[in-house]
PDB file of N, CA and C in Angstrom:
ATOM      1  N   MET A   1       0.837  -1.170   0.000  1.00  0.00           N
ATOM      2  CA  MET A   1       0.000   0.000   0.000  1.00  0.00           C
ATOM      3  C   MET A   1       0.888   1.240   0.000  1.00  0.00           C
ATOM      4  N   ALA A   2       0.649   2.116  -0.936  1.00  0.00           N
ATOM      5  CA  ALA A   2       1.428   3.346  -1.022  1.00  0.00           C
ATOM      6  C   ALA A   2       0.947   4.336   0.032  1.00  0.00           C
ATOM      7  N   LYS A   3       1.868   5.102   0.563  1.00  0.00           N
ATOM      8  CA  LYS A   3       1.554   6.118   1.571  1.00  0.00           C
ATOM      9  C   LYS A   3       1.669   7.492   0.923  1.00  0.00           C
ATOM     10  N   LYS A   4       0.788   8.389   1.314  1.00  0.00           N
ATOM     11  CA  LYS A   4       0.813   9.747   0.800  1.00  0.00           C
ATOM     12  C   LYS A   4       0.985  10.707   1.970  1.00  0.00           C
ATOM     13  N   SER A   5       1.902  11.644   1.845  1.00  0.00           N
ATOM     14  CA  SER A   5       2.099  12.667   2.873  1.00  0.00           C
ATOM     15  C   SER A   5       0.948  13.654   2.816  1.00  0.00           C
ATOM     16  N   TYR A   6       0.531  14.098   4.012  1.00  0.00           N
ATOM     17  CA  TYR A   6      -0.557  15.058   4.084  1.00  0.00           C
ATOM     18  C   TYR A   6      -0.338  15.959   5.289  1.00  0.00           C
ATOM     19  N   PRO A   7      -0.209  17.272   5.075  1.00  0.00           N
ATOM     20  CA  PRO A   7      -0.043  18.173   6.218  1.00  0.00           C
ATOM     21  C   PRO A   7      -1.355  18.243   6.997  1.00  0.00           C
ATOM     22  N   LEU A   8      -1.264  18.161   8.303  1.00  0.00           N
ATOM     23  CA  LEU A   8      -2.467  18.102   9.132  1.00  0.00           C
ATOM     24  C   LEU A   8      -2.428  19.203  10.180  1.00  0.00           C
ATOM     25  N   ARG A   9      -3.445  20.036  10.197  1.00  0.00           N
ATOM     26  CA  ARG A   9      -3.594  21.042  11.253  1.00  0.00           C
ATOM     27  C   ARG A   9      -4.533  20.442  12.280  1.00  0.00           C
ATOM     28  N   ILE A  10      -4.075  20.382  13.525  1.00  0.00           N
ATOM     29  CA  ILE A  10      -4.862  19.718  14.561  1.00  0.00           C
ATOM     30  C   ILE A  10      -4.687  20.439  15.889  1.00  0.00           C
ATOM     31  N   ASN A  11      -5.722  20.432  16.684  1.00  0.00           N
ATOM     32  CA  ASN A  11      -5.722  21.059  17.999  1.00  0.00           C
ATOM     33  C   ASN A  11      -4.593  20.498  18.854  1.00  0.00           C
ATOM     34  N   GLU A  12      -3.923  21.377  19.592  1.00  0.00           N
ATOM     35  CA  GLU A  12      -2.762  20.981  20.400  1.00  0.00           C
ATOM     36  C   GLU A  12      -3.109  19.916  21.449  1.00  0.00           C
ATOM     37  N   GLN A  13      -4.272  20.047  22.098  1.00  0.00           N
ATOM     38  CA  GLN A  13      -4.663  19.060  23.107  1.00  0.00           C
ATOM     39  C   GLN A  13      -4.974  17.701  22.480  1.00  0.00           C
ATOM     40  N   VAL A  14      -5.550  17.740  21.296  1.00  0.00           N
ATOM     41  CA  VAL A  14      -5.876  16.488  20.605  1.00  0.00           C
ATOM     42  C   VAL A  14      -4.592  15.754  20.228  1.00  0.00           C
ATOM     43  N   ILE A  15      -3.627  16.479  19.689  1.00  0.00           N
ATOM     44  CA  ILE A  15      -2.376  15.831  19.279  1.00  0.00           C
ATOM     45  C   ILE A  15      -1.621  15.319  20.493  1.00  0.00           C
ATOM     46  N   ALA A  16      -1.683  16.037  21.618  1.00  0.00           N
ATOM     47  CA  ALA A  16      -1.021  15.575  22.842  1.00  0.00           C
ATOM     48  C   ALA A  16      -1.680  14.294  23.358  1.00  0.00           C
ATOM     49  N   ALA A  17      -3.004  14.241  23.298  1.00  0.00           N
ATOM     50  CA  ALA A  17      -3.718  13.032  23.726  1.00  0.00           C
ATOM     51  C   ALA A  17      -3.400  11.862  22.804  1.00  0.00           C
ATOM     52  N   MET A  18      -3.318  12.131  21.498  1.00  0.00           N
ATOM     53  CA  MET A  18      -2.966  11.080  20.542  1.00  0.00           C
ATOM     54  C   MET A  18      -1.548  10.571  20.798  1.00  0.00           C
ATOM     55  N   GLN A  19      -0.637  11.477  21.145  1.00  0.00           N
ATOM     56  CA  GLN A  19       0.742  11.075  21.430  1.00  0.00           C
ATOM     57  C   GLN A  19       0.797  10.184  22.663  1.00  0.00           C
ATOM     58  N   ARG A  20       0.043  10.532  23.700  1.00  0.00           N
ATOM     59  CA  ARG A  20       0.008   9.682  24.909  1.00  0.00           C
ATOM     60  C   ARG A  20      -0.544   8.304  24.582  1.00  0.00           C
ATOM     61  N   TRP A  21      -1.601   8.253  23.781  1.00  0.00           N
ATOM     62  CA  TRP A  21      -2.202   6.988  23.382  1.00  0.00           C
ATOM     63  C   TRP A  21      -1.206   6.183  22.557  1.00  0.00           C
ATOM     64  N   ALA A  22      -0.525   6.841  21.637  1.00  0.00           N
ATOM     65  CA  ALA A  22       0.488   6.163  20.820  1.00  0.00           C
ATOM     66  C   ALA A  22       1.589   5.591  21.693  1.00  0.00           C
ATOM     67  N   ASP A  23       2.034   6.369  22.674  1.00  0.00           N
ATOM     68  CA  ASP A  23       3.074   5.895  23.592  1.00  0.00           C
ATOM     69  C   ASP A  23       2.595   4.667  24.366  1.00  0.00           C
ATOM     70  N   ASP A  24       1.344   4.703  24.833  1.00  0.00           N
ATOM     71  CA  ASP A  24       0.777   3.561  25.564  1.00  0.00           C
ATOM     72  C   ASP A  24       0.737   2.307  24.702  1.00  0.00           C
ATOM     73  N   ASP A  25       0.447   2.478  23.408  1.00  0.00           N
ATOM     74  CA  ASP A  25       0.328   1.345  22.485  1.00  0.00           C
ATOM     75  C   ASP A  25       1.635   1.020  21.766  1.00  0.00           C
ATOM     76  N   LEU A  26       2.712   1.715  22.140  1.00  0.00           N
ATOM     77  CA  LEU A  26       4.041   1.524  21.528  1.00  0.00           C
ATOM     78  C   LEU A  26       3.998   1.719  20.009  1.00  0.00           C
ATOM     79  N   ARG A  27       3.284   2.768  19.592  1.00  0.00           N
ATOM     80  CA  ARG A  27       3.212   3.122  18.178  1.00  0.00           C
ATOM     81  C   ARG A  27       3.773   4.522  18.004  1.00  0.00           C
ATOM     82  N   SER A  28       4.144   4.842  16.772  1.00  0.00           N
ATOM     83  CA  SER A  28       4.489   6.226  16.462  1.00  0.00           C
ATOM     84  C   SER A  28       3.189   7.027  16.410  1.00  0.00           C
ATOM     85  N   LEU A  29       3.302   8.338  16.529  1.00  0.00           N
ATOM     86  CA  LEU A  29       2.117   9.185  16.446  1.00  0.00           C
ATOM     87  C   LEU A  29       1.438   9.017  15.096  1.00  0.00           C
ATOM     88  N   ASN A  30       2.215   8.973  14.038  1.00  0.00           N
ATOM     89  CA  ASN A  30       1.659   8.799  12.701  1.00  0.00           C
ATOM     90  C   ASN A  30       0.897   7.472  12.593  1.00  0.00           C
ATOM     91  N   ALA A  31       1.482   6.398  13.097  1.00  0.00           N
ATOM     92  CA  ALA A  31       0.821   5.089  13.037  1.00  0.00           C
ATOM     93  C   ALA A  31      -0.454   5.084  13.872  1.00  0.00           C
ATOM     94  N   GLN A  32      -0.450   5.797  15.000  1.00  0.00           N
ATOM     95  CA  GLN A  32      -1.640   5.854  15.852  1.00  0.00           C
ATOM     96  C   GLN A  32      -2.770   6.601  15.151  1.00  0.00           C
ATOM     97  N   ILE A  33      -2.452   7.721  14.515  1.00  0.00           N
ATOM     98  CA  ILE A  33      -3.462   8.479  13.782  1.00  0.00           C
ATOM     99  C   ILE A  33      -4.045   7.619  12.660  1.00  0.00           C
ATOM    100  N   GLU A  34      -3.186   6.917  11.937  1.00  0.00           N
ATOM    101  CA  GLU A  34      -3.658   6.054  10.851  1.00  0.00           C
ATOM    102  C   GLU A  34      -4.520   4.915  11.398  1.00  0.00           C
ATOM    103  N   TYR A  35      -4.137   4.347  12.538  1.00  0.00           N
ATOM    104  CA  TYR A  35      -4.904   3.275  13.176  1.00  0.00           C
ATOM    105  C   TYR A  35      -6.309   3.766  13.545  1.00  0.00           C
ATOM    106  N   VAL A  36      -6.381   4.941  14.174  1.00  0.00           N
ATOM    107  CA  VAL A  36      -7.672   5.488  14.602  1.00  0.00           C
ATOM    108  C   VAL A  36      -8.549   5.801  13.389  1.00  0.00           C
ATOM    109  N   LEU A  37      -7.967   6.399  12.358  1.00  0.00           N
ATOM    110  CA  LEU A  37      -8.735   6.695  11.154  1.00  0.00           C
ATOM    111  C   LEU A  37      -9.232   5.426  10.476  1.00  0.00           C
ATOM    112  N   ARG A  38      -8.362   4.426  10.353  1.00  0.00           N
ATOM    113  CA  ARG A  38      -8.754   3.167   9.717  1.00  0.00           C
ATOM    114  C   ARG A  38      -9.870   2.481  10.513  1.00  0.00           C
ATOM    115  N   ASP A  39      -9.731   2.468  11.845  1.00  0.00           N
ATOM    116  CA  ASP A  39     -10.746   1.852  12.701  1.00  0.00           C
ATOM    117  C   ASP A  39     -12.095   2.559  12.538  1.00  0.00           C
ATOM    118  N   ALA A  40     -12.083   3.885  12.489  1.00  0.00           N
ATOM    119  CA  ALA A  40     -13.320   4.646  12.308  1.00  0.00           C
ATOM    120  C   ALA A  40     -13.950   4.349  10.950  1.00  0.00           C
ATOM    121  N   LEU A  41     -13.135   4.230   9.920  1.00  0.00           N
ATOM    122  CA  LEU A  41     -13.647   3.912   8.582  1.00  0.00           C
ATOM    123  C   LEU A  41     -14.301   2.534   8.546  1.00  0.00           C
ATOM    124  N   VAL A  42     -13.685   1.560   9.188  1.00  0.00           N
ATOM    125  CA  VAL A  42     -14.239   0.203   9.223  1.00  0.00           C
ATOM    126  C   VAL A  42     -15.543   0.193  10.011  1.00  0.00           C
ATOM    127  N   LYS A  43     -15.544   0.820  11.196  1.00  0.00           N
ATOM    128  CA  LYS A  43     -16.739   0.830  12.045  1.00  0.00           C
ATOM    129  C   LYS A  43     -17.913   1.555  11.395  1.00  0.00           C
ATOM    130  N   SER A  44     -17.629   2.569  10.583  1.00  0.00           N
ATOM    131  CA  SER A  44     -18.696   3.314   9.915  1.00  0.00           C
ATOM    132  C   SER A  44     -19.169   2.632   8.638  1.00  0.00           C
ATOM    133  N   GLY A  45     -18.488   1.556   8.249  1.00  0.00           N
ATOM    134  CA  GLY A  45     -18.870   0.826   7.038  1.00  0.00           C
ATOM    135  C   GLY A  45     -18.391   1.466   5.756  1.00  0.00           C
ATOM    136  N   ARG A  46     -17.462   2.394   5.853  1.00  0.00           N
ATOM    137  CA  ARG A  46     -16.962   3.073   4.655  1.00  0.00           C
ATOM    138  C   ARG A  46     -15.882   2.271   3.936  1.00  0.00           C
ATOM    139  N   VAL A  47     -15.200   1.406   4.649  1.00  0.00           N
ATOM    140  CA  VAL A  47     -14.238   0.482   4.048  1.00  0.00           C
ATOM    141  C   VAL A  47     -14.405  -0.872   4.723  1.00  0.00           C
ATOM    142  N   LYS A  48     -13.958  -1.905   4.048  1.00  0.00           N
ATOM    143  CA  LYS A  48     -13.997  -3.248   4.618  1.00  0.00           C
ATOM    144  C   LYS A  48     -12.603  -3.629   5.093  1.00  0.00           C
ATOM    145  N   LEU A  49     -12.549  -4.341   6.192  1.00  0.00           N
ATOM    146  CA  LEU A  49     -11.285  -4.865   6.677  1.00  0.00           C
ATOM    147  C   LEU A  49     -10.969  -6.095   5.838  1.00  0.00           C
ATOM    148  N   VAL A  50      -9.941  -6.000   5.011  1.00  0.00           N
ATOM    149  CA  VAL A  50      -9.603  -7.070   4.077  1.00  0.00           C
ATOM    150  C   VAL A  50      -8.737  -8.124   4.732  1.00  0.00           C
ATOM    151  N   GLN A  51      -7.768  -7.709   5.514  1.00  0.00           N
ATOM    152  CA  GLN A  51      -6.840  -8.641   6.133  1.00  0.00           C
ATOM    153  C   GLN A  51      -6.579  -8.199   7.555  1.00  0.00           C
ATOM    154  N   LYS A  52      -6.642  -9.152   8.476  1.00  0.00           N
ATOM    155  CA  LYS A  52      -6.335  -8.854   9.870  1.00  0.00           C
ATOM    156  C   LYS A  52      -5.171  -9.741  10.267  1.00  0.00           C
ATOM    157  N   VAL A  53      -4.095  -9.125  10.706  1.00  0.00           N
ATOM    158  CA  VAL A  53      -2.897  -9.865  11.078  1.00  0.00           C
ATOM    159  C   VAL A  53      -3.024 -10.259  12.548  1.00  0.00           C
ATOM    160  N   THR A  54      -2.856 -11.545  12.828  1.00  0.00           N
ATOM    161  CA  THR A  54      -2.911 -12.018  14.207  1.00  0.00           C
ATOM    162  C   THR A  54      -1.671 -12.843  14.499  1.00  0.00           C
ATOM    163  N   THR A  55      -1.342 -12.915  15.742  1.00  0.00           N
ATOM    164  CA  THR A  55      -0.236 -13.748  16.185  1.00  0.00           C
ATOM    165  C   THR A  55      -0.828 -14.905  16.966  1.00  0.00           C
ATOM    166  N   GLU A  56      -0.538 -16.104  16.521  1.00  0.00           N
ATOM    167  CA  GLU A  56      -1.035 -17.278  17.224  1.00  0.00           C
ATOM    168  C   GLU A  56       0.003 -17.733  18.232  1.00  0.00           C
ATOM    169  N   VAL A  57      -0.488 -18.172  19.381  1.00  0.00           N
ATOM    170  CA  VAL A  57       0.385 -18.628  20.445  1.00  0.00           C
ATOM    171  C   VAL A  57       0.101 -20.102  20.675  1.00  0.00           C
ATOM    172  N   GLU A  58       1.146 -20.899  20.685  1.00  0.00           N
ATOM    173  CA  GLU A  58       1.005 -22.318  20.937  1.00  0.00           C
ATOM    174  C   GLU A  58       1.528 -22.632  22.324  1.00  0.00           C
ATOM    175  N   ALA A  59       0.905 -23.623  22.954  1.00  0.00           N
ATOM    176  CA  ALA A  59       1.355 -24.049  24.277  1.00  0.00           C
ATOM    177  C   ALA A  59       2.733 -24.685  24.166  1.00  0.00           C
ATOM    178  N   VAL A  60       3.569 -24.428  25.139  1.00  0.00           N
ATOM    179  CA  VAL A  60       4.900 -25.011  25.191  1.00  0.00           C
ATOM    180  C   VAL A  60       4.774 -26.410  25.773  1.00  0.00           C
ATOM    181  N   GLY A  61       5.496 -27.361  25.211  1.00  0.00           N
ATOM    182  CA  GLY A  61       5.465 -28.729  25.726  1.00  0.00           C
ATOM    183  C   GLY A  61       5.978 -28.799  27.150  1.00  0.00           C
ATOM    184  N   GLU A  62       5.612 -29.845  27.879  1.00  0.00           N
ATOM    185  CA  GLU A  62       6.012 -29.975  29.283  1.00  0.00           C
ATOM    186  C   GLU A  62       7.533 -29.991  29.436  1.00  0.00           C
ATOM    187  N   ASP A  63       8.215 -30.633  28.508  1.00  0.00           N
ATOM    188  CA  ASP A  63       9.675 -30.691  28.589  1.00  0.00           C
ATOM    189  C   ASP A  63      10.284 -29.301  28.473  1.00  0.00           C
ATOM    190  N   ASP A  64       9.735 -28.476  27.568  1.00  0.00           N
ATOM    191  CA  ASP A  64      10.242 -27.120  27.384  1.00  0.00           C
ATOM    192  C   ASP A  64       9.971 -26.254  28.605  1.00  0.00           C
ATOM    193  N   SER A  65       8.795 -26.387  29.217  1.00  0.00           N
ATOM    194  CA  SER A  65       8.469 -25.540  30.366  1.00  0.00           C
ATOM    195  C   SER A  65       9.287 -25.923  31.588  1.00  0.00           C
ATOM    196  N   GLU A  66       9.616 -27.219  31.745  1.00  0.00           N
ATOM    197  CA  GLU A  66      10.431 -27.647  32.879  1.00  0.00           C
ATOM    198  C   GLU A  66      11.843 -27.083  32.764  1.00  0.00           C
ATOM    199  N   SER A  67      12.377 -27.087  31.558  1.00  0.00           N
ATOM    200  CA  SER A  67      13.732 -26.573  31.386  1.00  0.00           C
ATOM    201  C   SER A  67      13.755 -25.059  31.592  1.00  0.00           C
ATOM    202  N   ALA A  68      12.680 -24.376  31.231  1.00  0.00           N
ATOM    203  CA  ALA A  68      12.604 -22.928  31.434  1.00  0.00           C
ATOM    204  C   ALA A  68      12.512 -22.605  32.926  1.00  0.00           C
ATOM    205  N   ASP A  69      11.843 -23.467  33.694  1.00  0.00           N
ATOM    206  CA  ASP A  69      11.723 -23.240  35.124  1.00  0.00           C
ATOM    207  C   ASP A  69      13.047 -23.397  35.842  1.00  0.00           C
ATOM    208  N   ASN A  70      13.951 -24.189  35.285  1.00  0.00           N
ATOM    209  CA  ASN A  70      15.246 -24.442  35.913  1.00  0.00           C
ATOM    210  C   ASN A  70      16.232 -23.317  35.667  1.00  0.00           C
ATOM    211  N   HIS A  71      15.906 -22.354  34.814  1.00  0.00           N
ATOM    212  CA  HIS A  71      16.854 -21.288  34.491  1.00  0.00           C
ATOM    213  C   HIS A  71      16.615 -20.094  35.335  1.00  0.00           C
TER     214      HIS A  71
END
């Protein structure tokens, strides 16, 4: 997906709140703004979520967990 630069004029308190939220979520401010905009677009039905990336977690075998406990 290509990215396009866009100058944004935004209220100082809003940008500060977005920065705090981005920091909490370990995202850059730009990524947080894009996340919020994308989420709003999906929730409003203006775009469809085509792909959702997830991380699957598998249980560790008993042998692996015992060795981890010994360290």
